[in-house]
Amino acid sequence: MNEVNREKLVGELRSVSGLLGIVFCEEGERGSEPVILLYHVPEELFRQELEQAIRRLGDGGMLIDYNLREIGLVDQAIVECLEGRITVQHVSGHPFGIVNSSYAAEIHYGQILWEAPDHALSALKGKLAMQESYPEKLRQATVTYFMKEASLLLADGRNSALQGDIHFVSASFSHAVSSWVQVIHALNGQFLLGEKGGLKRANQLPIGPKQFRLRVNQIYRYFAANNPSLAYCEIDMLESEMNTLVRPFAGPREG
């Protein structure tokens, strides 16, 4: 975001009741779709004043896409991550759901354009920075949680493949891949903002299955050709490689 647009945005929004900070976020050098994040506290007039401010910006020729973040919920998510607790919230428009670590990722990658005098966003950045570049408890929790999730999904998919339910099999595999993407980012000490573009970014990281993206796409082709046997031959090899990669990091699995 250039300086002129930053000044317009901050100048219009900073007086909105309950707004604590404005953040411009994109995911490191690999890039992701940039987004404006508005951090706030619950305030009776917040949404009304915000809508009016956004409308004034639009009338002035500046159209922005933004997401709202309630500061208390973000703080809670970061505490959970630092303590090694993973949660996934199922939200419309997010096929895989929203992992609580994505809120930590937004704080980690985000550029603070403006914040209120209490510096709540800087405090959250500081809380994350105190735990090294990537918190070890978060790494272990991510590996353990999502490896178990992927294993269950692939087992369910295999059972459905025997019954010819390719739709369910493909959906199970898609979610398993998204779980592996979470794991690969954690193994490499990289925060992940969300599922969109995650496979491409995981493929570029040094720790991960060889030709990961190419092989995943080939498996989808096998499913499209109604050939689950070939698909599961490749899936089994990928799962074996993932199990080998995580062995030094994974804690004991539950269940």
C-alpha atoms as a PDB file:
ATOM      1  CA  MET A   1       0.000   0.000   0.000  1.00  0.00           C
ATOM      2  CA  ASN A   2       1.433   3.372  -0.999  1.00  0.00           C
ATOM      3  CA  GLU A   3       1.765   6.264   1.434  1.00  0.00           C
ATOM      4  CA  VAL A   4      -1.068   8.315  -0.077  1.00  0.00           C
ATOM      5  CA  ASN A   5      -3.604   5.502   0.284  1.00  0.00           C
ATOM      6  CA  ARG A   6      -2.321   4.705   3.765  1.00  0.00           C
ATOM      7  CA  GLU A   7      -2.893   8.287   4.882  1.00  0.00           C
ATOM      8  CA  LYS A   8      -6.391   8.336   3.355  1.00  0.00           C
ATOM      9  CA  LEU A   9      -7.312   5.059   5.029  1.00  0.00           C
ATOM     10  CA  VAL A  10      -5.930   5.944   8.438  1.00  0.00           C
ATOM     11  CA  GLY A  11      -7.301   9.475   8.330  1.00  0.00           C
ATOM     12  CA  GLU A  12     -10.827   8.229   7.685  1.00  0.00           C
ATOM     13  CA  LEU A  13     -10.907   5.223  10.021  1.00  0.00           C
ATOM     14  CA  ARG A  14      -8.890   6.198  13.086  1.00  0.00           C
ATOM     15  CA  SER A  15     -11.806   8.039  14.713  1.00  0.00           C
ATOM     16  CA  VAL A  16     -14.218   5.071  14.472  1.00  0.00           C
ATOM     17  CA  SER A  17     -15.407   4.132  17.965  1.00  0.00           C
ATOM     18  CA  GLY A  18     -13.829   0.912  19.196  1.00  0.00           C
ATOM     19  CA  LEU A  19     -11.205   0.630  16.450  1.00  0.00           C
ATOM     20  CA  LEU A  20      -7.819  -0.330  17.918  1.00  0.00           C
ATOM     21  CA  GLY A  21      -5.691  -0.855  14.847  1.00  0.00           C
ATOM     22  CA  ILE A  22      -5.395  -1.068  11.071  1.00  0.00           C
ATOM     23  CA  VAL A  23      -3.138  -3.754   9.601  1.00  0.00           C
ATOM     24  CA  PHE A  24      -2.005  -4.486   6.052  1.00  0.00           C
ATOM     25  CA  CYS A  25      -1.293  -8.182   5.733  1.00  0.00           C
ATOM     26  CA  GLU A  26       0.360 -10.401   3.138  1.00  0.00           C
ATOM     27  CA  GLU A  27       2.354 -13.574   3.662  1.00  0.00           C
ATOM     28  CA  GLY A  28       6.056 -12.917   3.330  1.00  0.00           C
ATOM     29  CA  GLU A  29       8.035 -13.153   0.107  1.00  0.00           C
ATOM     30  CA  ARG A  30       5.907 -15.974  -1.288  1.00  0.00           C
ATOM     31  CA  GLY A  31       2.962 -13.628  -1.146  1.00  0.00           C
ATOM     32  CA  SER A  32      -0.743 -14.096  -0.688  1.00  0.00           C
ATOM     33  CA  GLU A  33      -3.707 -11.896  -1.482  1.00  0.00           C
ATOM     34  CA  PRO A  34      -3.172  -8.702   0.555  1.00  0.00           C
ATOM     35  CA  VAL A  35      -5.919  -7.770   2.977  1.00  0.00           C
ATOM     36  CA  ILE A  36      -6.770  -4.929   5.349  1.00  0.00           C
ATOM     37  CA  LEU A  37      -7.507  -6.132   8.877  1.00  0.00           C
ATOM     38  CA  LEU A  38      -9.418  -3.925  11.302  1.00  0.00           C
ATOM     39  CA  TYR A  39      -8.889  -4.846  14.956  1.00  0.00           C
ATOM     40  CA  HIS A  40     -11.580  -3.650  17.337  1.00  0.00           C
ATOM     41  CA  VAL A  41     -13.334  -4.088  20.653  1.00  0.00           C
ATOM     42  CA  PRO A  42     -17.109  -4.609  20.922  1.00  0.00           C
ATOM     43  CA  GLU A  43     -18.591  -1.127  20.678  1.00  0.00           C
ATOM     44  CA  GLU A  44     -22.215  -0.153  20.146  1.00  0.00           C
ATOM     45  CA  LEU A  45     -21.519   2.392  17.409  1.00  0.00           C
ATOM     46  CA  PHE A  46     -18.569   0.586  15.792  1.00  0.00           C
ATOM     47  CA  ARG A  47     -20.269  -0.982  12.768  1.00  0.00           C
ATOM     48  CA  GLN A  48     -22.416   2.052  12.003  1.00  0.00           C
ATOM     49  CA  GLU A  49     -19.461   4.444  12.113  1.00  0.00           C
ATOM     50  CA  LEU A  50     -17.280   2.008  10.165  1.00  0.00           C
ATOM     51  CA  GLU A  51     -19.823   1.642   7.362  1.00  0.00           C
ATOM     52  CA  GLN A  52     -20.062   5.415   7.075  1.00  0.00           C
ATOM     53  CA  ALA A  53     -16.268   5.777   6.937  1.00  0.00           C
ATOM     54  CA  ILE A  54     -15.925   3.022   4.314  1.00  0.00           C
ATOM     55  CA  ARG A  55     -18.637   4.719   2.246  1.00  0.00           C
ATOM     56  CA  ARG A  56     -16.773   8.032   2.380  1.00  0.00           C
ATOM     57  CA  LEU A  57     -13.590   6.304   1.224  1.00  0.00           C
ATOM     58  CA  GLY A  58     -15.507   4.730  -1.657  1.00  0.00           C
ATOM     59  CA  ASP A  59     -17.014   8.075  -2.634  1.00  0.00           C
ATOM     60  CA  GLY A  60     -13.460   9.391  -2.782  1.00  0.00           C
ATOM     61  CA  GLY A  61     -12.424   6.625  -5.164  1.00  0.00           C
ATOM     62  CA  MET A  62     -10.773   4.288  -2.656  1.00  0.00           C
ATOM     63  CA  LEU A  63     -12.478   0.904  -2.525  1.00  0.00           C
ATOM     64  CA  ILE A  64     -11.074  -1.461   0.095  1.00  0.00           C
ATOM     65  CA  ASP A  65     -11.603  -5.072   1.059  1.00  0.00           C
ATOM     66  CA  TYR A  66     -11.294  -5.597   4.775  1.00  0.00           C
ATOM     67  CA  ASN A  67     -11.844  -8.195   7.474  1.00  0.00           C
ATOM     68  CA  LEU A  68     -12.816  -7.495  11.062  1.00  0.00           C
ATOM     69  CA  ARG A  69     -10.907  -8.954  13.985  1.00  0.00           C
ATOM     70  CA  GLU A  70     -12.140  -8.680  17.570  1.00  0.00           C
ATOM     71  CA  ILE A  71      -8.996  -8.089  19.604  1.00  0.00           C
ATOM     72  CA  GLY A  72     -10.038 -10.267  22.547  1.00  0.00           C
ATOM     73  CA  LEU A  73     -10.616 -13.303  20.333  1.00  0.00           C
ATOM     74  CA  VAL A  74      -7.281 -12.777  18.565  1.00  0.00           C
ATOM     75  CA  ASP A  75      -5.483 -12.507  21.900  1.00  0.00           C
ATOM     76  CA  GLN A  76      -7.162 -15.733  23.035  1.00  0.00           C
ATOM     77  CA  ALA A  77      -6.136 -17.509  19.813  1.00  0.00           C
ATOM     78  CA  ILE A  78      -2.511 -16.462  20.266  1.00  0.00           C
ATOM     79  CA  VAL A  79      -2.488 -17.675  23.875  1.00  0.00           C
ATOM     80  CA  GLU A  80      -3.893 -21.026  22.700  1.00  0.00           C
ATOM     81  CA  CYS A  81      -1.183 -21.308  20.047  1.00  0.00           C
ATOM     82  CA  LEU A  82       1.611 -20.496  22.482  1.00  0.00           C
ATOM     83  CA  GLU A  83       0.243 -23.150  24.842  1.00  0.00           C
ATOM     84  CA  GLY A  84       0.067 -25.723  22.041  1.00  0.00           C
ATOM     85  CA  ARG A  85      -3.710 -25.905  21.598  1.00  0.00           C
ATOM     86  CA  ILE A  86      -5.118 -26.100  18.057  1.00  0.00           C
ATOM     87  CA  THR A  87      -8.734 -25.362  17.174  1.00  0.00           C
ATOM     88  CA  VAL A  88     -10.523 -25.231  13.818  1.00  0.00           C
ATOM     89  CA  GLN A  89     -13.612 -23.079  13.354  1.00  0.00           C
ATOM     90  CA  HIS A  90     -15.901 -24.032  10.489  1.00  0.00           C
ATOM     91  CA  VAL A  91     -16.944 -20.860   8.669  1.00  0.00           C
ATOM     92  CA  SER A  92     -18.905 -20.347   5.453  1.00  0.00           C
ATOM     93  CA  GLY A  93     -16.606 -19.702   2.503  1.00  0.00           C
ATOM     94  CA  HIS A  94     -13.686 -21.582   4.072  1.00  0.00           C
ATOM     95  CA  PRO A  95     -13.841 -25.251   2.991  1.00  0.00           C
ATOM     96  CA  PHE A  96     -11.140 -26.333   5.446  1.00  0.00           C
ATOM     97  CA  GLY A  97     -12.216 -23.987   8.224  1.00  0.00           C
ATOM     98  CA  ILE A  98     -10.191 -21.328  10.046  1.00  0.00           C
ATOM     99  CA  VAL A  99      -7.354 -22.591  12.234  1.00  0.00           C
ATOM    100  CA  ASN A 100      -6.663 -20.466  15.300  1.00  0.00           C
ATOM    101  CA  SER A 101      -2.991 -20.223  14.288  1.00  0.00           C
ATOM    102  CA  SER A 102      -4.047 -18.161  11.251  1.00  0.00           C
ATOM    103  CA  TYR A 103      -4.828 -15.272  13.625  1.00  0.00           C
ATOM    104  CA  ALA A 104      -1.282 -15.525  14.962  1.00  0.00           C
ATOM    105  CA  ALA A 105      -0.059 -15.549  11.348  1.00  0.00           C
ATOM    106  CA  GLU A 106      -1.900 -12.297  10.641  1.00  0.00           C
ATOM    107  CA  ILE A 107      -0.239 -10.636  13.618  1.00  0.00           C
ATOM    108  CA  HIS A 108       3.150 -12.068  12.605  1.00  0.00           C
ATOM    109  CA  TYR A 109       3.021 -10.970   8.955  1.00  0.00           C
ATOM    110  CA  GLY A 110       0.875  -7.865   9.340  1.00  0.00           C
ATOM    111  CA  GLN A 111       2.189  -4.332   8.898  1.00  0.00           C
ATOM    112  CA  ILE A 112       0.596  -1.995  11.427  1.00  0.00           C
ATOM    113  CA  LEU A 113      -0.621   1.094   9.569  1.00  0.00           C
ATOM    114  CA  TRP A 114      -2.112   2.669  12.678  1.00  0.00           C
ATOM    115  CA  GLU A 115      -2.981   1.659  16.225  1.00  0.00           C
ATOM    116  CA  ALA A 116      -4.614   3.277  19.231  1.00  0.00           C
ATOM    117  CA  PRO A 117      -2.452   4.702  22.048  1.00  0.00           C
ATOM    118  CA  ASP A 118      -2.686   1.490  24.106  1.00  0.00           C
ATOM    119  CA  HIS A 119      -0.608  -0.273  21.383  1.00  0.00           C
ATOM    120  CA  ALA A 120      -2.580  -3.520  21.678  1.00  0.00           C
ATOM    121  CA  LEU A 121      -1.334  -4.834  18.327  1.00  0.00           C
ATOM    122  CA  SER A 122       2.312  -4.136  19.121  1.00  0.00           C
ATOM    123  CA  ALA A 123       1.789  -6.002  22.390  1.00  0.00           C
ATOM    124  CA  LEU A 124       0.472  -9.038  20.492  1.00  0.00           C
ATOM    125  CA  LYS A 125       3.436  -8.913  18.113  1.00  0.00           C
ATOM    126  CA  GLY A 126       5.725  -8.776  21.124  1.00  0.00           C
ATOM    127  CA  LYS A 127       3.997 -11.744  22.737  1.00  0.00           C
ATOM    128  CA  LEU A 128       4.627 -13.823  19.608  1.00  0.00           C
ATOM    129  CA  ALA A 129       8.207 -12.598  19.207  1.00  0.00           C
ATOM    130  CA  MET A 130       9.094 -13.716  22.739  1.00  0.00           C
ATOM    131  CA  GLN A 131       8.529 -17.328  21.649  1.00  0.00           C
ATOM    132  CA  GLU A 132      11.254 -17.455  18.962  1.00  0.00           C
ATOM    133  CA  SER A 133      10.454 -17.032  15.266  1.00  0.00           C
ATOM    134  CA  TYR A 134       7.969 -19.916  15.432  1.00  0.00           C
ATOM    135  CA  PRO A 135       6.745 -21.277  18.790  1.00  0.00           C
ATOM    136  CA  GLU A 136       7.876 -24.857  19.411  1.00  0.00           C
ATOM    137  CA  LYS A 137       4.672 -25.822  21.238  1.00  0.00           C
ATOM    138  CA  LEU A 138       2.681 -24.614  18.237  1.00  0.00           C
ATOM    139  CA  ARG A 139       4.853 -26.692  15.899  1.00  0.00           C
ATOM    140  CA  GLN A 140       4.366 -29.870  17.910  1.00  0.00           C
ATOM    141  CA  ALA A 141       0.636 -29.287  18.371  1.00  0.00           C
ATOM    142  CA  THR A 142       0.114 -28.581  14.658  1.00  0.00           C
ATOM    143  CA  VAL A 143       2.016 -31.705  13.628  1.00  0.00           C
ATOM    144  CA  THR A 144       0.194 -33.964  16.086  1.00  0.00           C
ATOM    145  CA  TYR A 145      -3.301 -32.565  15.463  1.00  0.00           C
ATOM    146  CA  PHE A 146      -3.213 -32.453  11.679  1.00  0.00           C
ATOM    147  CA  MET A 147      -1.340 -35.714  11.113  1.00  0.00           C
ATOM    148  CA  LYS A 148      -4.051 -37.474  13.097  1.00  0.00           C
ATOM    149  CA  GLU A 149      -6.722 -35.588  11.145  1.00  0.00           C
ATOM    150  CA  ALA A 150      -5.180 -36.560   7.799  1.00  0.00           C
ATOM    151  CA  SER A 151      -4.896 -40.207   8.833  1.00  0.00           C
ATOM    152  CA  LEU A 152      -8.574 -40.396   9.814  1.00  0.00           C
ATOM    153  CA  LEU A 153      -9.702 -38.647   6.629  1.00  0.00           C
ATOM    154  CA  LEU A 154      -7.692 -40.935   4.373  1.00  0.00           C
ATOM    155  CA  ALA A 155      -8.971 -44.043   6.154  1.00  0.00           C
ATOM    156  CA  ASP A 156     -12.586 -42.890   5.756  1.00  0.00           C
ATOM    157  CA  GLY A 157     -11.934 -42.088   2.110  1.00  0.00           C
ATOM    158  CA  ARG A 158     -10.450 -45.506   1.433  1.00  0.00           C
ATOM    159  CA  ASN A 159     -13.554 -47.206   2.824  1.00  0.00           C
ATOM    160  CA  SER A 160     -15.775 -45.069   0.586  1.00  0.00           C
ATOM    161  CA  ALA A 161     -13.574 -45.768  -2.442  1.00  0.00           C
ATOM    162  CA  LEU A 162     -14.412 -49.457  -2.128  1.00  0.00           C
ATOM    163  CA  GLN A 163     -18.084 -48.484  -2.417  1.00  0.00           C
ATOM    164  CA  GLY A 164     -17.515 -46.277  -5.464  1.00  0.00           C
ATOM    165  CA  ASP A 165     -18.239 -42.974  -3.680  1.00  0.00           C
ATOM    166  CA  ILE A 166     -15.639 -40.899  -5.533  1.00  0.00           C
ATOM    167  CA  HIS A 167     -17.189 -37.615  -4.391  1.00  0.00           C
ATOM    168  CA  PHE A 168     -16.634 -38.402  -0.713  1.00  0.00           C
ATOM    169  CA  VAL A 169     -13.199 -39.858  -1.426  1.00  0.00           C
ATOM    170  CA  SER A 170     -12.090 -36.693  -3.237  1.00  0.00           C
ATOM    171  CA  ALA A 171     -13.434 -34.468  -0.457  1.00  0.00           C
ATOM    172  CA  SER A 172     -11.640 -36.526   2.194  1.00  0.00           C
ATOM    173  CA  PHE A 173      -8.392 -36.348   0.247  1.00  0.00           C
ATOM    174  CA  SER A 174      -8.723 -32.582  -0.220  1.00  0.00           C
ATOM    175  CA  HIS A 175      -9.065 -32.062   3.523  1.00  0.00           C
ATOM    176  CA  ALA A 176      -6.190 -34.452   4.203  1.00  0.00           C
ATOM    177  CA  VAL A 177      -3.961 -32.442   1.865  1.00  0.00           C
ATOM    178  CA  SER A 178      -4.964 -29.238   3.652  1.00  0.00           C
ATOM    179  CA  SER A 179      -3.959 -30.915   6.917  1.00  0.00           C
ATOM    180  CA  TRP A 180      -0.584 -31.870   5.436  1.00  0.00           C
ATOM    181  CA  VAL A 181      -0.124 -28.284   4.246  1.00  0.00           C
ATOM    182  CA  GLN A 182      -0.538 -27.134   7.854  1.00  0.00           C
ATOM    183  CA  VAL A 183       2.037 -29.698   8.968  1.00  0.00           C
ATOM    184  CA  ILE A 184       4.572 -28.799   6.270  1.00  0.00           C
ATOM    185  CA  HIS A 185       4.430 -25.125   7.206  1.00  0.00           C
ATOM    186  CA  ALA A 186       4.908 -26.017  10.874  1.00  0.00           C
ATOM    187  CA  LEU A 187       7.882 -28.275  10.100  1.00  0.00           C
ATOM    188  CA  ASN A 188       9.488 -25.361   8.272  1.00  0.00           C
ATOM    189  CA  GLY A 189       8.706 -22.901  11.061  1.00  0.00           C
ATOM    190  CA  GLN A 190       6.378 -20.873   8.834  1.00  0.00           C
ATOM    191  CA  PHE A 191       3.059 -19.350   9.863  1.00  0.00           C
ATOM    192  CA  LEU A 192       0.181 -20.069   7.469  1.00  0.00           C
ATOM    193  CA  LEU A 193      -2.467 -17.412   6.889  1.00  0.00           C
ATOM    194  CA  GLY A 194      -5.067 -19.719   5.352  1.00  0.00           C
ATOM    195  CA  GLU A 195      -5.811 -22.549   2.982  1.00  0.00           C
ATOM    196  CA  LYS A 196      -5.937 -20.504  -0.240  1.00  0.00           C
ATOM    197  CA  GLY A 197      -2.601 -20.911  -2.011  1.00  0.00           C
ATOM    198  CA  GLY A 198      -1.329 -23.126   0.790  1.00  0.00           C
ATOM    199  CA  LEU A 199      -0.476 -26.100  -1.434  1.00  0.00           C
ATOM    200  CA  LYS A 200       1.646 -23.948  -3.739  1.00  0.00           C
ATOM    201  CA  ARG A 201       3.516 -22.398  -0.804  1.00  0.00           C
ATOM    202  CA  ALA A 202       4.045 -25.777   0.879  1.00  0.00           C
ATOM    203  CA  ASN A 203       5.544 -27.100  -2.350  1.00  0.00           C
ATOM    204  CA  GLN A 204       8.196 -24.350  -2.210  1.00  0.00           C
ATOM    205  CA  LEU A 205       9.367 -25.090   1.338  1.00  0.00           C
ATOM    206  CA  PRO A 206      12.514 -27.175   1.905  1.00  0.00           C
ATOM    207  CA  ILE A 207      10.994 -29.717   4.310  1.00  0.00           C
ATOM    208  CA  GLY A 208       8.210 -31.632   2.586  1.00  0.00           C
ATOM    209  CA  PRO A 209       7.503 -34.503   0.188  1.00  0.00           C
ATOM    210  CA  LYS A 210       9.316 -34.279  -3.131  1.00  0.00           C
ATOM    211  CA  GLN A 211       7.199 -32.786  -5.945  1.00  0.00           C
ATOM    212  CA  PHE A 212       4.348 -32.463  -3.470  1.00  0.00           C
ATOM    213  CA  ARG A 213       2.050 -30.259  -5.555  1.00  0.00           C
ATOM    214  CA  LEU A 214       2.593 -32.254  -8.757  1.00  0.00           C
ATOM    215  CA  ARG A 215       1.751 -35.528  -7.026  1.00  0.00           C
ATOM    216  CA  VAL A 216      -1.341 -34.117  -5.316  1.00  0.00           C
ATOM    217  CA  ASN A 217      -2.654 -32.825  -8.645  1.00  0.00           C
ATOM    218  CA  GLN A 218      -2.018 -36.228 -10.238  1.00  0.00           C
ATOM    219  CA  ILE A 219      -4.076 -37.904  -7.520  1.00  0.00           C
ATOM    220  CA  TYR A 220      -7.003 -35.632  -8.343  1.00  0.00           C
ATOM    221  CA  ARG A 221      -6.657 -36.734 -11.978  1.00  0.00           C
ATOM    222  CA  TYR A 222      -6.811 -40.377 -10.909  1.00  0.00           C
ATOM    223  CA  PHE A 223     -10.011 -39.694  -8.986  1.00  0.00           C
ATOM    224  CA  ALA A 224     -11.479 -37.801 -11.964  1.00  0.00           C
ATOM    225  CA  ALA A 225     -10.720 -40.840 -14.143  1.00  0.00           C
ATOM    226  CA  ASN A 226     -12.507 -43.062 -11.589  1.00  0.00           C
ATOM    227  CA  ASN A 227      -9.274 -44.856 -10.759  1.00  0.00           C
ATOM    228  CA  PRO A 228      -9.042 -44.839  -6.939  1.00  0.00           C
ATOM    229  CA  SER A 229      -6.575 -47.747  -6.924  1.00  0.00           C
ATOM    230  CA  LEU A 230      -3.851 -45.684  -8.599  1.00  0.00           C
ATOM    231  CA  ALA A 231      -4.819 -42.690  -6.476  1.00  0.00           C
ATOM    232  CA  TYR A 232      -4.332 -44.612  -3.247  1.00  0.00           C
ATOM    233  CA  CYS A 233      -1.009 -46.042  -4.392  1.00  0.00           C
ATOM    234  CA  GLU A 234       0.296 -42.474  -4.609  1.00  0.00           C
ATOM    235  CA  ILE A 235      -1.539 -41.401  -1.440  1.00  0.00           C
ATOM    236  CA  ASP A 236       0.075 -44.224   0.527  1.00  0.00           C
ATOM    237  CA  MET A 237       3.530 -43.121  -0.633  1.00  0.00           C
ATOM    238  CA  LEU A 238       2.816 -39.512   0.300  1.00  0.00           C
ATOM    239  CA  GLU A 239       1.482 -40.509   3.706  1.00  0.00           C
ATOM    240  CA  SER A 240       4.565 -42.635   4.336  1.00  0.00           C
ATOM    241  CA  GLU A 241       6.831 -39.702   3.454  1.00  0.00           C
ATOM    242  CA  MET A 242       4.873 -37.375   5.720  1.00  0.00           C
ATOM    243  CA  ASN A 243       5.122 -39.843   8.614  1.00  0.00           C
ATOM    244  CA  THR A 244       8.885 -39.992   8.132  1.00  0.00           C
ATOM    245  CA  LEU A 245       9.209 -36.202   8.034  1.00  0.00           C
ATOM    246  CA  VAL A 246       7.239 -35.606  11.235  1.00  0.00           C
ATOM    247  CA  ARG A 247       8.762 -38.386  13.316  1.00  0.00           C
ATOM    248  CA  PRO A 248      11.312 -36.091  15.044  1.00  0.00           C
ATOM    249  CA  PHE A 249       8.606 -33.512  15.861  1.00  0.00           C
ATOM    250  CA  ALA A 250       5.346 -35.319  16.611  1.00  0.00           C
ATOM    251  CA  GLY A 251       4.237 -35.939  20.162  1.00  0.00           C
ATOM    252  CA  PRO A 252       2.191 -38.966  21.224  1.00  0.00           C
ATOM    253  CA  ARG A 253      -1.105 -39.286  19.362  1.00  0.00           C
ATOM    254  CA  GLU A 254      -4.350 -39.522  21.261  1.00  0.00           C
ATOM    255  CA  GLY A 255      -6.849 -42.270  20.555  1.00  0.00           C
END
